[in-house]
């Protein structure tokens, strides 16, 4: 069986990769600093700023298959997006594709612990 991602999946993956390269990877150290310096149960300022940028670029609610409220990706189209976001421990906190806004601070704390364990 020959398998290739749909154009929609490829476009989403490319947009996420660009966002990660421009905004997430360069800010991982600063996110750690803000996690250390802030209240562990409050949102991290840099992550909150990145959420705004992700929303502005249409990288919000990617997990919702309904195109009216989400990106309109099927589960198959969503898989490469998750692969791309999984390359940083902090991506789930900047895009609620994997983490709802109400739990972003806890996700960021969990990501911090995982990031430090592998560093």
Foldseek 3Di string as FASTA:
>chain_A
DDDDADPLLVVLLVLLLVLCVVQPVVCVVVLLVQCVPDDLQDDRVSLVVLLVVCVVSQQEQCLDLPVVPHVNDDPRSCVSNCVSQVVAQLSCLNYVVPPDVNCSSVSSVVSSVVVVVVD
